[in-house]
Amino acid sequence: MVDLPGQIKYLMLYGADNQLNKVNFMKISARNQIPGTVKMIKKGPVTTEVVMSVGGGLEIVSTITTHSAETMKLREGSKVYAVMKASEVMVGID
């Protein structure tokens, strides 16, 4: 399930014991959260490539595990976020 931050605080799910359980959504420290739409998915046996359109004709491509893609039920047209957390930024010149 992908939703806009701040709209859903928790989700109620039935567990294996058939009891209703509250599941909180985690907050993340990554500041670079870019909303987008899944444009294309290329599924492999272990990893899946996800191409996201983020506006202005720009795309971001991410490789995630196929299990994660299936768990999130990603499909073309799904609303998603590209979340980037970098420990360093390098500078290069020609």
Foldseek 3Di string as FASTA:
>chain_A
DDDDPPPDQWDWDQDPVRDTDIGGDDDDDFPQKAKFFFADWDDDPFKIWTWTDRDPRDIDIDIDTNVVCVVVVHDGGDIGIDTDDDPDDDDDDD
